Amino acid sequence: QVQLVESGGGLVQAGGSLRLSCAASGSIFSIYRMGWYRQAPGKQRDVIATITSGGSTTYADSVKGRFTISRDNAKNTVYLQMNSLKPEDTAVYYCNYVGHSWGQGTQVTVSS
């Protein structure tokens, strides 16, 4: 099974930007849809962005217009560019696809 490792999180001020990366240990070319999820303290894990192998994307309303998901099949990596960050974006961010176990995620903290 392909292993996924998220990175790029950190502490940023409101209005700032971060780019998260999800590096896969093997090819993601055949994985139809990959997604970014996040889980804030005391809340459920929610999907915030998805991308298909053909490049079609979907976004949660809460991040639409601020976040951009992309994938580089040659590098086996999925990215999440996050702009105009808000304190409510503070969460652990995960990448995943259907049927795959969850990784450690990467912490994003946005200060006001």
PDB file of N, CA and C in Angstrom:
ATOM      1  N   GLN A   1       0.846  -1.196   0.000  1.00  0.00           N
ATOM      2  CA  GLN A   1       0.000   0.000   0.000  1.00  0.00           C
ATOM      3  C   GLN A   1       0.878   1.242   0.000  1.00  0.00           C
ATOM      4  N   VAL A   2       0.448   2.230  -0.757  1.00  0.00           N
ATOM      5  CA  VAL A   2       1.194   3.480  -0.832  1.00  0.00           C
ATOM      6  C   VAL A   2       1.145   4.196   0.520  1.00  0.00           C
ATOM      7  N   GLN A   3       2.293   4.650   0.973  1.00  0.00           N
ATOM      8  CA  GLN A   3       2.350   5.442   2.203  1.00  0.00           C
ATOM      9  C   GLN A   3       2.280   6.917   1.839  1.00  0.00           C
ATOM     10  N   LEU A   4       1.548   7.682   2.654  1.00  0.00           N
ATOM     11  CA  LEU A   4       1.394   9.113   2.429  1.00  0.00           C
ATOM     12  C   LEU A   4       1.982   9.869   3.611  1.00  0.00           C
ATOM     13  N   VAL A   5       2.785  10.876   3.328  1.00  0.00           N
ATOM     14  CA  VAL A   5       3.410  11.680   4.380  1.00  0.00           C
ATOM     15  C   VAL A   5       3.118  13.144   4.105  1.00  0.00           C
ATOM     16  N   GLU A   6       2.412  13.752   5.045  1.00  0.00           N
ATOM     17  CA  GLU A   6       2.069  15.168   4.926  1.00  0.00           C
ATOM     18  C   GLU A   6       3.165  16.035   5.550  1.00  0.00           C
ATOM     19  N   SER A   7       3.390  17.200   4.971  1.00  0.00           N
ATOM     20  CA  SER A   7       4.365  18.139   5.508  1.00  0.00           C
ATOM     21  C   SER A   7       3.986  19.552   5.098  1.00  0.00           C
ATOM     22  N   GLY A   8       4.680  20.519   5.697  1.00  0.00           N
ATOM     23  CA  GLY A   8       4.482  21.907   5.309  1.00  0.00           C
ATOM     24  C   GLY A   8       3.672  22.727   6.287  1.00  0.00           C
ATOM     25  N   GLY A   9       3.161  22.101   7.324  1.00  0.00           N
ATOM     26  CA  GLY A   9       2.392  22.848   8.307  1.00  0.00           C
ATOM     27  C   GLY A   9       3.281  23.734   9.149  1.00  0.00           C
ATOM     28  N   GLY A  10       2.647  24.532   9.995  1.00  0.00           N
ATOM     29  CA  GLY A  10       3.401  25.417  10.868  1.00  0.00           C
ATOM     30  C   GLY A  10       2.511  26.473  11.473  1.00  0.00           C
ATOM     31  N   LEU A  11       3.166  27.452  12.069  1.00  0.00           N
ATOM     32  CA  LEU A  11       2.464  28.573  12.695  1.00  0.00           C
ATOM     33  C   LEU A  11       2.545  29.776  11.769  1.00  0.00           C
ATOM     34  N   VAL A  12       1.412  30.375  11.497  1.00  0.00           N
ATOM     35  CA  VAL A  12       1.364  31.524  10.589  1.00  0.00           C
ATOM     36  C   VAL A  12       0.340  32.521  11.119  1.00  0.00           C
ATOM     37  N   GLN A  13       0.567  33.779  10.817  1.00  0.00           N
ATOM     38  CA  GLN A  13      -0.401  34.808  11.228  1.00  0.00           C
ATOM     39  C   GLN A  13      -1.589  34.822  10.276  1.00  0.00           C
ATOM     40  N   ALA A  14      -2.703  35.284  10.778  1.00  0.00           N
ATOM     41  CA  ALA A  14      -3.894  35.424   9.945  1.00  0.00           C
ATOM     42  C   ALA A  14      -3.559  36.264   8.712  1.00  0.00           C
ATOM     43  N   GLY A  15      -4.056  35.818   7.577  1.00  0.00           N
ATOM     44  CA  GLY A  15      -3.763  36.488   6.318  1.00  0.00           C
ATOM     45  C   GLY A  15      -2.572  35.909   5.587  1.00  0.00           C
ATOM     46  N   GLY A  16      -1.826  35.050   6.262  1.00  0.00           N
ATOM     47  CA  GLY A  16      -0.643  34.453   5.658  1.00  0.00           C
ATOM     48  C   GLY A  16      -0.961  33.248   4.789  1.00  0.00           C
ATOM     49  N   SER A  17       0.103  32.631   4.303  1.00  0.00           N
ATOM     50  CA  SER A  17      -0.034  31.496   3.386  1.00  0.00           C
ATOM     51  C   SER A  17       0.864  30.348   3.823  1.00  0.00           C
ATOM     52  N   LEU A  18       0.455  29.161   3.461  1.00  0.00           N
ATOM     53  CA  LEU A  18       1.255  27.958   3.621  1.00  0.00           C
ATOM     54  C   LEU A  18       0.982  27.037   2.437  1.00  0.00           C
ATOM     55  N   ARG A  19       1.970  26.214   2.104  1.00  0.00           N
ATOM     56  CA  ARG A  19       1.743  25.173   1.109  1.00  0.00           C
ATOM     57  C   ARG A  19       2.035  23.828   1.736  1.00  0.00           C
ATOM     58  N   LEU A  20       1.024  22.994   1.772  1.00  0.00           N
ATOM     59  CA  LEU A  20       1.172  21.647   2.299  1.00  0.00           C
ATOM     60  C   LEU A  20       1.523  20.690   1.157  1.00  0.00           C
ATOM     61  N   SER A  21       2.312  19.685   1.494  1.00  0.00           N
ATOM     62  CA  SER A  21       2.671  18.647   0.533  1.00  0.00           C
ATOM     63  C   SER A  21       2.286  17.288   1.080  1.00  0.00           C
ATOM     64  N   CYS A  22       1.907  16.411   0.202  1.00  0.00           N
ATOM     65  CA  CYS A  22       1.590  15.027   0.555  1.00  0.00           C
ATOM     66  C   CYS A  22       2.393  14.144  -0.388  1.00  0.00           C
ATOM     67  N   ALA A  23       3.458  13.581   0.154  1.00  0.00           N
ATOM     68  CA  ALA A  23       4.351  12.763  -0.654  1.00  0.00           C
ATOM     69  C   ALA A  23       3.971  11.294  -0.521  1.00  0.00           C
ATOM     70  N   ALA A  24       3.802  10.644  -1.654  1.00  0.00           N
ATOM     71  CA  ALA A  24       3.454   9.231  -1.663  1.00  0.00           C
ATOM     72  C   ALA A  24       4.694   8.388  -1.925  1.00  0.00           C
ATOM     73  N   SER A  25       4.739   7.225  -1.308  1.00  0.00           N
ATOM     74  CA  SER A  25       5.894   6.342  -1.461  1.00  0.00           C
ATOM     75  C   SER A  25       5.880   5.590  -2.780  1.00  0.00           C
ATOM     76  N   GLY A  26       4.739   5.643  -3.473  1.00  0.00           N
ATOM     77  CA  GLY A  26       4.632   4.991  -4.759  1.00  0.00           C
ATOM     78  C   GLY A  26       3.801   5.832  -5.707  1.00  0.00           C
ATOM     79  N   SER A  27       3.484   5.267  -6.829  1.00  0.00           N
ATOM     80  CA  SER A  27       2.772   6.015  -7.855  1.00  0.00           C
ATOM     81  C   SER A  27       1.336   6.343  -7.428  1.00  0.00           C
ATOM     82  N   ILE A  28       0.956   7.580  -7.692  1.00  0.00           N
ATOM     83  CA  ILE A  28      -0.436   7.985  -7.448  1.00  0.00           C
ATOM     84  C   ILE A  28      -1.189   8.121  -8.757  1.00  0.00           C
ATOM     85  N   PHE A  29      -0.535   7.761  -9.843  1.00  0.00           N
ATOM     86  CA  PHE A  29      -1.121   7.970 -11.167  1.00  0.00           C
ATOM     87  C   PHE A  29      -2.483   7.309 -11.296  1.00  0.00           C
ATOM     88  N   SER A  30      -2.621   6.115 -10.711  1.00  0.00           N
ATOM     89  CA  SER A  30      -3.857   5.361 -10.888  1.00  0.00           C
ATOM     90  C   SER A  30      -4.895   5.643  -9.808  1.00  0.00           C
ATOM     91  N   ILE A  31      -4.557   6.493  -8.848  1.00  0.00           N
ATOM     92  CA  ILE A  31      -5.517   6.817  -7.791  1.00  0.00           C
ATOM     93  C   ILE A  31      -6.454   7.893  -8.325  1.00  0.00           C
ATOM     94  N   TYR A  32      -7.722   7.540  -8.474  1.00  0.00           N
ATOM     95  CA  TYR A  32      -8.646   8.434  -9.152  1.00  0.00           C
ATOM     96  C   TYR A  32      -8.822   9.766  -8.437  1.00  0.00           C
ATOM     97  N   ARG A  33      -9.115   9.700  -7.129  1.00  0.00           N
ATOM     98  CA  ARG A  33      -9.400  10.940  -6.408  1.00  0.00           C
ATOM     99  C   ARG A  33      -8.604  10.969  -5.115  1.00  0.00           C
ATOM    100  N   MET A  34      -7.898  12.049  -4.924  1.00  0.00           N
ATOM    101  CA  MET A  34      -7.184  12.265  -3.666  1.00  0.00           C
ATOM    102  C   MET A  34      -7.720  13.522  -3.021  1.00  0.00           C
ATOM    103  N   GLY A  35      -7.634  13.549  -1.707  1.00  0.00           N
ATOM    104  CA  GLY A  35      -8.214  14.690  -1.009  1.00  0.00           C
ATOM    105  C   GLY A  35      -7.388  15.169   0.157  1.00  0.00           C
ATOM    106  N   TRP A  36      -7.630  16.394   0.531  1.00  0.00           N
ATOM    107  CA  TRP A  36      -7.103  16.972   1.759  1.00  0.00           C
ATOM    108  C   TRP A  36      -8.260  17.083   2.757  1.00  0.00           C
ATOM    109  N   TYR A  37      -7.960  16.736   3.996  1.00  0.00           N
ATOM    110  CA  TYR A  37      -8.935  16.757   5.068  1.00  0.00           C
ATOM    111  C   TYR A  37      -8.328  17.539   6.226  1.00  0.00           C
ATOM    112  N   ARG A  38      -9.177  17.970   7.132  1.00  0.00           N
ATOM    113  CA  ARG A  38      -8.642  18.602   8.333  1.00  0.00           C
ATOM    114  C   ARG A  38      -9.517  18.285   9.532  1.00  0.00           C
ATOM    115  N   GLN A  39      -8.879  18.295  10.686  1.00  0.00           N
ATOM    116  CA  GLN A  39      -9.584  18.022  11.931  1.00  0.00           C
ATOM    117  C   GLN A  39      -9.129  19.021  12.981  1.00  0.00           C
ATOM    118  N   ALA A  40     -10.053  19.850  13.408  1.00  0.00           N
ATOM    119  CA  ALA A  40      -9.782  20.811  14.473  1.00  0.00           C
ATOM    120  C   ALA A  40     -10.052  20.133  15.817  1.00  0.00           C
ATOM    121  N   PRO A  41      -9.461  20.642  16.884  1.00  0.00           N
ATOM    122  CA  PRO A  41      -9.664  20.043  18.203  1.00  0.00           C
ATOM    123  C   PRO A  41     -11.145  19.946  18.562  1.00  0.00           C
ATOM    124  N   GLY A  42     -11.563  18.751  18.963  1.00  0.00           N
ATOM    125  CA  GLY A  42     -12.937  18.554  19.374  1.00  0.00           C
ATOM    126  C   GLY A  42     -13.944  18.453  18.251  1.00  0.00           C
ATOM    127  N   LYS A  43     -13.455  18.435  17.023  1.00  0.00           N
ATOM    128  CA  LYS A  43     -14.364  18.378  15.876  1.00  0.00           C
ATOM    129  C   LYS A  43     -14.068  17.160  15.018  1.00  0.00           C
ATOM    130  N   GLN A  44     -14.989  16.822  14.159  1.00  0.00           N
ATOM    131  CA  GLN A  44     -14.791  15.692  13.261  1.00  0.00           C
ATOM    132  C   GLN A  44     -13.857  16.080  12.120  1.00  0.00           C
ATOM    133  N   ARG A  45     -13.303  15.064  11.489  1.00  0.00           N
ATOM    134  CA  ARG A  45     -12.436  15.289  10.332  1.00  0.00           C
ATOM    135  C   ARG A  45     -13.315  15.503   9.099  1.00  0.00           C
ATOM    136  N   ASP A  46     -13.045  16.577   8.390  1.00  0.00           N
ATOM    137  CA  ASP A  46     -13.840  16.936   7.219  1.00  0.00           C
ATOM    138  C   ASP A  46     -12.969  17.031   5.978  1.00  0.00           C
ATOM    139  N   VAL A  47     -13.529  16.691   4.853  1.00  0.00           N
ATOM    140  CA  VAL A  47     -12.834  16.876   3.581  1.00  0.00           C
ATOM    141  C   VAL A  47     -12.936  18.343   3.195  1.00  0.00           C
ATOM    142  N   ILE A  48     -11.846  18.905   2.725  1.00  0.00           N
ATOM    143  CA  ILE A  48     -11.853  20.309   2.324  1.00  0.00           C
ATOM    144  C   ILE A  48     -11.535  20.512   0.846  1.00  0.00           C
ATOM    145  N   ALA A  49     -10.857  19.552   0.242  1.00  0.00           N
ATOM    146  CA  ALA A  49     -10.525  19.687  -1.174  1.00  0.00           C
ATOM    147  C   ALA A  49     -10.220  18.311  -1.746  1.00  0.00           C
ATOM    148  N   THR A  50     -10.643  18.099  -2.991  1.00  0.00           N
ATOM    149  CA  THR A  50     -10.320  16.847  -3.681  1.00  0.00           C
ATOM    150  C   THR A  50      -9.864  17.145  -5.095  1.00  0.00           C
ATOM    151  N   ILE A  51      -9.126  16.199  -5.658  1.00  0.00           N
ATOM    152  CA  ILE A  51      -8.680  16.334  -7.036  1.00  0.00           C
ATOM    153  C   ILE A  51      -8.666  14.958  -7.683  1.00  0.00           C
ATOM    154  N   THR A  52      -9.164  14.875  -8.898  1.00  0.00           N
ATOM    155  CA  THR A  52      -9.167  13.610  -9.611  1.00  0.00           C
ATOM    156  C   THR A  52      -7.880  13.456 -10.432  1.00  0.00           C
ATOM    157  N   SER A  53      -7.700  12.286 -10.987  1.00  0.00           N
ATOM    158  CA  SER A  53      -6.530  12.047 -11.825  1.00  0.00           C
ATOM    159  C   SER A  53      -6.553  12.932 -13.069  1.00  0.00           C
ATOM    160  N   GLY A  54      -7.735  13.378 -13.454  1.00  0.00           N
ATOM    161  CA  GLY A  54      -7.844  14.259 -14.605  1.00  0.00           C
ATOM    162  C   GLY A  54      -7.730  15.735 -14.259  1.00  0.00           C
ATOM    163  N   GLY A  55      -7.621  16.027 -12.962  1.00  0.00           N
ATOM    164  CA  GLY A  55      -7.428  17.408 -12.542  1.00  0.00           C
ATOM    165  C   GLY A  55      -8.682  18.142 -12.114  1.00  0.00           C
ATOM    166  N   SER A  56      -9.816  17.469 -12.076  1.00  0.00           N
ATOM    167  CA  SER A  56     -11.036  18.114 -11.602  1.00  0.00           C
ATOM    168  C   SER A  56     -10.975  18.276 -10.095  1.00  0.00           C
ATOM    169  N   THR A  57     -11.402  19.432  -9.624  1.00  0.00           N
ATOM    170  CA  THR A  57     -11.289  19.744  -8.194  1.00  0.00           C
ATOM    171  C   THR A  57     -12.635  20.083  -7.580  1.00  0.00           C
ATOM    172  N   THR A  58     -12.710  19.847  -6.286  1.00  0.00           N
ATOM    173  CA  THR A  58     -13.859  20.289  -5.496  1.00  0.00           C
ATOM    174  C   THR A  58     -13.329  20.907  -4.206  1.00  0.00           C
ATOM    175  N   TYR A  59     -14.089  21.837  -3.655  1.00  0.00           N
ATOM    176  CA  TYR A  59     -13.684  22.513  -2.426  1.00  0.00           C
ATOM    177  C   TYR A  59     -14.864  22.668  -1.485  1.00  0.00           C
ATOM    178  N   ALA A  60     -14.567  22.591  -0.194  1.00  0.00           N
ATOM    179  CA  ALA A  60     -15.571  22.946   0.792  1.00  0.00           C
ATOM    180  C   ALA A  60     -15.806  24.449   0.731  1.00  0.00           C
ATOM    181  N   ASP A  61     -17.014  24.853   1.052  1.00  0.00           N
ATOM    182  CA  ASP A  61     -17.336  26.276   1.004  1.00  0.00           C
ATOM    183  C   ASP A  61     -16.409  27.105   1.891  1.00  0.00           C
ATOM    184  N   SER A  62     -15.981  26.515   2.981  1.00  0.00           N
ATOM    185  CA  SER A  62     -15.165  27.252   3.948  1.00  0.00           C
ATOM    186  C   SER A  62     -13.783  27.626   3.409  1.00  0.00           C
ATOM    187  N   VAL A  63     -13.329  26.951   2.355  1.00  0.00           N
ATOM    188  CA  VAL A  63     -11.983  27.227   1.839  1.00  0.00           C
ATOM    189  C   VAL A  63     -12.000  27.678   0.385  1.00  0.00           C
ATOM    190  N   LYS A  64     -13.154  27.634  -0.230  1.00  0.00           N
ATOM    191  CA  LYS A  64     -13.258  27.984  -1.646  1.00  0.00           C
ATOM    192  C   LYS A  64     -12.765  29.406  -1.883  1.00  0.00           C
ATOM    193  N   GLY A  65     -11.932  29.549  -2.889  1.00  0.00           N
ATOM    194  CA  GLY A  65     -11.384  30.857  -3.211  1.00  0.00           C
ATOM    195  C   GLY A  65     -10.108  31.196  -2.474  1.00  0.00           C
ATOM    196  N   ARG A  66      -9.771  30.405  -1.446  1.00  0.00           N
ATOM    197  CA  ARG A  66      -8.555  30.660  -0.665  1.00  0.00           C
ATOM    198  C   ARG A  66      -7.542  29.531  -0.799  1.00  0.00           C
ATOM    199  N   PHE A  67      -8.036  28.303  -0.941  1.00  0.00           N
ATOM    200  CA  PHE A  67      -7.165  27.133  -1.022  1.00  0.00           C
ATOM    201  C   PHE A  67      -7.182  26.577  -2.444  1.00  0.00           C
ATOM    202  N   THR A  68      -6.046  26.003  -2.848  1.00  0.00           N
ATOM    203  CA  THR A  68      -5.947  25.372  -4.161  1.00  0.00           C
ATOM    204  C   THR A  68      -5.267  24.025  -4.019  1.00  0.00           C
ATOM    205  N   ILE A  69      -5.926  22.986  -4.491  1.00  0.00           N
ATOM    206  CA  ILE A  69      -5.346  21.641  -4.486  1.00  0.00           C
ATOM    207  C   ILE A  69      -4.755  21.355  -5.858  1.00  0.00           C
ATOM    208  N   SER A  70      -3.633  20.670  -5.873  1.00  0.00           N
ATOM    209  CA  SER A  70      -3.014  20.285  -7.139  1.00  0.00           C
ATOM    210  C   SER A  70      -2.284  18.959  -6.935  1.00  0.00           C
ATOM    211  N   ARG A  71      -1.972  18.307  -8.008  1.00  0.00           N
ATOM    212  CA  ARG A  71      -1.240  17.052  -7.907  1.00  0.00           C
ATOM    213  C   ARG A  71      -0.207  16.986  -9.011  1.00  0.00           C
ATOM    214  N   ASP A  72       0.929  16.400  -8.684  1.00  0.00           N
ATOM    215  CA  ASP A  72       2.010  16.182  -9.637  1.00  0.00           C
ATOM    216  C   ASP A  72       2.256  14.682  -9.677  1.00  0.00           C
ATOM    217  N   ASN A  73       1.666  14.015 -10.658  1.00  0.00           N
ATOM    218  CA  ASN A  73       1.782  12.560 -10.719  1.00  0.00           C
ATOM    219  C   ASN A  73       3.230  12.117 -10.936  1.00  0.00           C
ATOM    220  N   ALA A  74       4.013  12.921 -11.610  1.00  0.00           N
ATOM    221  CA  ALA A  74       5.410  12.567 -11.861  1.00  0.00           C
ATOM    222  C   ALA A  74       6.215  12.544 -10.565  1.00  0.00           C
ATOM    223  N   LYS A  75       5.831  13.414  -9.637  1.00  0.00           N
ATOM    224  CA  LYS A  75       6.521  13.487  -8.340  1.00  0.00           C
ATOM    225  C   LYS A  75       5.764  12.737  -7.259  1.00  0.00           C
ATOM    226  N   ASN A  76       4.637  12.134  -7.619  1.00  0.00           N
ATOM    227  CA  ASN A  76       3.812  11.403  -6.646  1.00  0.00           C
ATOM    228  C   ASN A  76       3.477  12.268  -5.439  1.00  0.00           C
ATOM    229  N   THR A  77       3.078  13.485  -5.701  1.00  0.00           N
ATOM    230  CA  THR A  77       2.829  14.444  -4.631  1.00  0.00           C
ATOM    231  C   THR A  77       1.537  15.218  -4.902  1.00  0.00           C
ATOM    232  N   VAL A  78       0.810  15.444  -3.831  1.00  0.00           N
ATOM    233  CA  VAL A  78      -0.383  16.287  -3.878  1.00  0.00           C
ATOM    234  C   VAL A  78      -0.116  17.504  -2.995  1.00  0.00           C
ATOM    235  N   TYR A  79      -0.544  18.660  -3.457  1.00  0.00           N
ATOM    236  CA  TYR A  79      -0.273  19.906  -2.734  1.00  0.00           C
ATOM    237  C   TYR A  79      -1.578  20.581  -2.320  1.00  0.00           C
ATOM    238  N   LEU A  80      -1.458  21.407  -1.300  1.00  0.00           N
ATOM    239  CA  LEU A  80      -2.567  22.275  -0.915  1.00  0.00           C
ATOM    240  C   LEU A  80      -1.992  23.652  -0.635  1.00  0.00           C
ATOM    241  N   GLN A  81      -2.241  24.580  -1.535  1.00  0.00           N
ATOM    242  CA  GLN A  81      -1.824  25.965  -1.344  1.00  0.00           C
ATOM    243  C   GLN A  81      -2.909  26.680  -0.568  1.00  0.00           C
ATOM    244  N   MET A  82      -2.535  27.232   0.569  1.00  0.00           N
ATOM    245  CA  MET A  82      -3.510  27.887   1.441  1.00  0.00           C
ATOM    246  C   MET A  82      -3.159  29.356   1.575  1.00  0.00           C
ATOM    247  N   ASN A  83      -4.038  30.205   1.123  1.00  0.00           N
ATOM    248  CA  ASN A  83      -3.851  31.653   1.201  1.00  0.00           C
ATOM    249  C   ASN A  83      -4.924  32.271   2.095  1.00  0.00           C
ATOM    250  N   SER A  84      -4.670  33.502   2.489  1.00  0.00           N
ATOM    251  CA  SER A  84      -5.632  34.243   3.326  1.00  0.00           C
ATOM    252  C   SER A  84      -6.101  33.407   4.509  1.00  0.00           C
ATOM    253  N   LEU A  85      -5.144  32.832   5.193  1.00  0.00           N
ATOM    254  CA  LEU A  85      -5.475  31.933   6.295  1.00  0.00           C
ATOM    255  C   LEU A  85      -6.168  32.669   7.432  1.00  0.00           C
ATOM    256  N   LYS A  86      -7.074  31.954   8.077  1.00  0.00           N
ATOM    257  CA  LYS A  86      -7.863  32.484   9.188  1.00  0.00           C
ATOM    258  C   LYS A  86      -7.627  31.627  10.440  1.00  0.00           C
ATOM    259  N   PRO A  87      -7.839  32.184  11.609  1.00  0.00           N
ATOM    260  CA  PRO A  87      -7.685  31.366  12.825  1.00  0.00           C
ATOM    261  C   PRO A  87      -8.528  30.097  12.797  1.00  0.00           C
ATOM    262  N   GLU A  88      -9.679  30.159  12.170  1.00  0.00           N
ATOM    263  CA  GLU A  88     -10.538  28.968  12.111  1.00  0.00           C
ATOM    264  C   GLU A  88     -10.006  27.886  11.181  1.00  0.00           C
ATOM    265  N   ASP A  89      -8.933  28.166  10.468  1.00  0.00           N
ATOM    266  CA  ASP A  89      -8.272  27.138   9.650  1.00  0.00           C
ATOM    267  C   ASP A  89      -7.325  26.280  10.489  1.00  0.00           C
ATOM    268  N   THR A  90      -7.141  26.645  11.745  1.00  0.00           N
ATOM    269  CA  THR A  90      -6.268  25.869  12.621  1.00  0.00           C
ATOM    270  C   THR A  90      -6.792  24.449  12.774  1.00  0.00           C
ATOM    271  N   ALA A  91      -5.939  23.485  12.460  1.00  0.00           N
ATOM    272  CA  ALA A  91      -6.338  22.077  12.474  1.00  0.00           C
ATOM    273  C   ALA A  91      -5.132  21.216  12.111  1.00  0.00           C
ATOM    274  N   VAL A  92      -5.312  19.911  12.253  1.00  0.00           N
ATOM    275  CA  VAL A  92      -4.367  18.958  11.672  1.00  0.00           C
ATOM    276  C   VAL A  92      -4.876  18.613  10.280  1.00  0.00           C
ATOM    277  N   TYR A  93      -3.999  18.713   9.306  1.00  0.00           N
ATOM    278  CA  TYR A  93      -4.364  18.483   7.915  1.00  0.00           C
ATOM    279  C   TYR A  93      -3.817  17.132   7.450  1.00  0.00           C
ATOM    280  N   TYR A  94      -4.656  16.402   6.742  1.00  0.00           N
ATOM    281  CA  TYR A  94      -4.318  15.077   6.238  1.00  0.00           C
ATOM    282  C   TYR A  94      -4.612  14.997   4.742  1.00  0.00           C
ATOM    283  N   CYS A  95      -3.823  14.205   4.056  1.00  0.00           N
ATOM    284  CA  CYS A  95      -4.214  13.838   2.695  1.00  0.00           C
ATOM    285  C   CYS A  95      -4.561  12.357   2.712  1.00  0.00           C
ATOM    286  N   ASN A  96      -5.416  11.968   1.787  1.00  0.00           N
ATOM    287  CA  ASN A  96      -5.829  10.569   1.766  1.00  0.00           C
ATOM    288  C   ASN A  96      -6.630  10.274   0.517  1.00  0.00           C
ATOM    289  N   TYR A  97      -6.929   8.984   0.346  1.00  0.00           N
ATOM    290  CA  TYR A  97      -7.836   8.538  -0.692  1.00  0.00           C
ATOM    291  C   TYR A  97      -8.646   7.380  -0.137  1.00  0.00           C
ATOM    292  N   VAL A  98      -9.737   7.060  -0.818  1.00  0.00           N
ATOM    293  CA  VAL A  98     -10.701   6.086  -0.309  1.00  0.00           C
ATOM    294  C   VAL A  98     -10.027   4.731  -0.073  1.00  0.00           C
ATOM    295  N   GLY A  99     -10.248   4.182   1.105  1.00  0.00           N
ATOM    296  CA  GLY A  99      -9.730   2.863   1.422  1.00  0.00           C
ATOM    297  C   GLY A  99      -8.355   2.865   2.032  1.00  0.00           C
ATOM    298  N   HIS A 100      -7.759   4.009   2.150  1.00  0.00           N
ATOM    299  CA  HIS A 100      -6.393   4.094   2.682  1.00  0.00           C
ATOM    300  C   HIS A 100      -6.428   4.515   4.151  1.00  0.00           C
ATOM    301  N   SER A 101      -5.482   4.034   4.931  1.00  0.00           N
ATOM    302  CA  SER A 101      -5.419   4.396   6.337  1.00  0.00           C
ATOM    303  C   SER A 101      -4.919   5.824   6.498  1.00  0.00           C
ATOM    304  N   TRP A 102      -5.200   6.412   7.666  1.00  0.00           N
ATOM    305  CA  TRP A 102      -4.812   7.795   7.907  1.00  0.00           C
ATOM    306  C   TRP A 102      -3.366   7.886   8.372  1.00  0.00           C
ATOM    307  N   GLY A 103      -2.681   8.925   7.918  1.00  0.00           N
ATOM    308  CA  GLY A 103      -1.318   9.187   8.355  1.00  0.00           C
ATOM    309  C   GLY A 103      -1.311  10.095   9.569  1.00  0.00           C
ATOM    310  N   GLN A 104      -0.147  10.677   9.837  1.00  0.00           N
ATOM    311  CA  GLN A 104       0.022  11.528  11.014  1.00  0.00           C
ATOM    312  C   GLN A 104      -0.524  12.930  10.813  1.00  0.00           C
ATOM    313  N   GLY A 105      -0.604  13.349   9.595  1.00  0.00           N
ATOM    314  CA  GLY A 105      -1.060  14.711   9.318  1.00  0.00           C
ATOM    315  C   GLY A 105      -0.002  15.742   9.627  1.00  0.00           C
ATOM    316  N   THR A 106      -0.332  16.985   9.347  1.00  0.00           N
ATOM    317  CA  THR A 106       0.568  18.098   9.643  1.00  0.00           C
ATOM    318  C   THR A 106      -0.243  19.207  10.286  1.00  0.00           C
ATOM    319  N   GLN A 107       0.306  19.763  11.367  1.00  0.00           N
ATOM    320  CA  GLN A 107      -0.424  20.765  12.145  1.00  0.00           C
ATOM    321  C   GLN A 107      -0.306  22.140  11.497  1.00  0.00           C
ATOM    322  N   VAL A 108      -1.435  22.794  11.354  1.00  0.00           N
ATOM    323  CA  VAL A 108      -1.476  24.178  10.895  1.00  0.00           C
ATOM    324  C   VAL A 108      -2.113  25.012  12.000  1.00  0.00           C
ATOM    325  N   THR A 109      -1.398  26.033  12.432  1.00  0.00           N
ATOM    326  CA  THR A 109      -1.911  26.921  13.463  1.00  0.00           C
ATOM    327  C   THR A 109      -1.886  28.349  12.932  1.00  0.00           C
ATOM    328  N   VAL A 110      -3.033  29.000  12.961  1.00  0.00           N
ATOM    329  CA  VAL A 110      -3.155  30.364  12.466  1.00  0.00           C
ATOM    330  C   VAL A 110      -3.471  31.273  13.646  1.00  0.00           C
ATOM    331  N   SER A 111      -2.578  32.207  13.903  1.00  0.00           N
ATOM    332  CA  SER A 111      -2.772  33.131  15.018  1.00  0.00           C
ATOM    333  C   SER A 111      -3.471  34.399  14.548  1.00  0.00           C
ATOM    334  N   SER A 112      -4.234  34.975  15.456  1.00  0.00           N
ATOM    335  CA  SER A 112      -4.987  36.190  15.103  1.00  0.00           C
ATOM    336  C   SER A 112      -4.183  37.433  15.390  1.00  0.00           C
TER     337      SER A 112
END
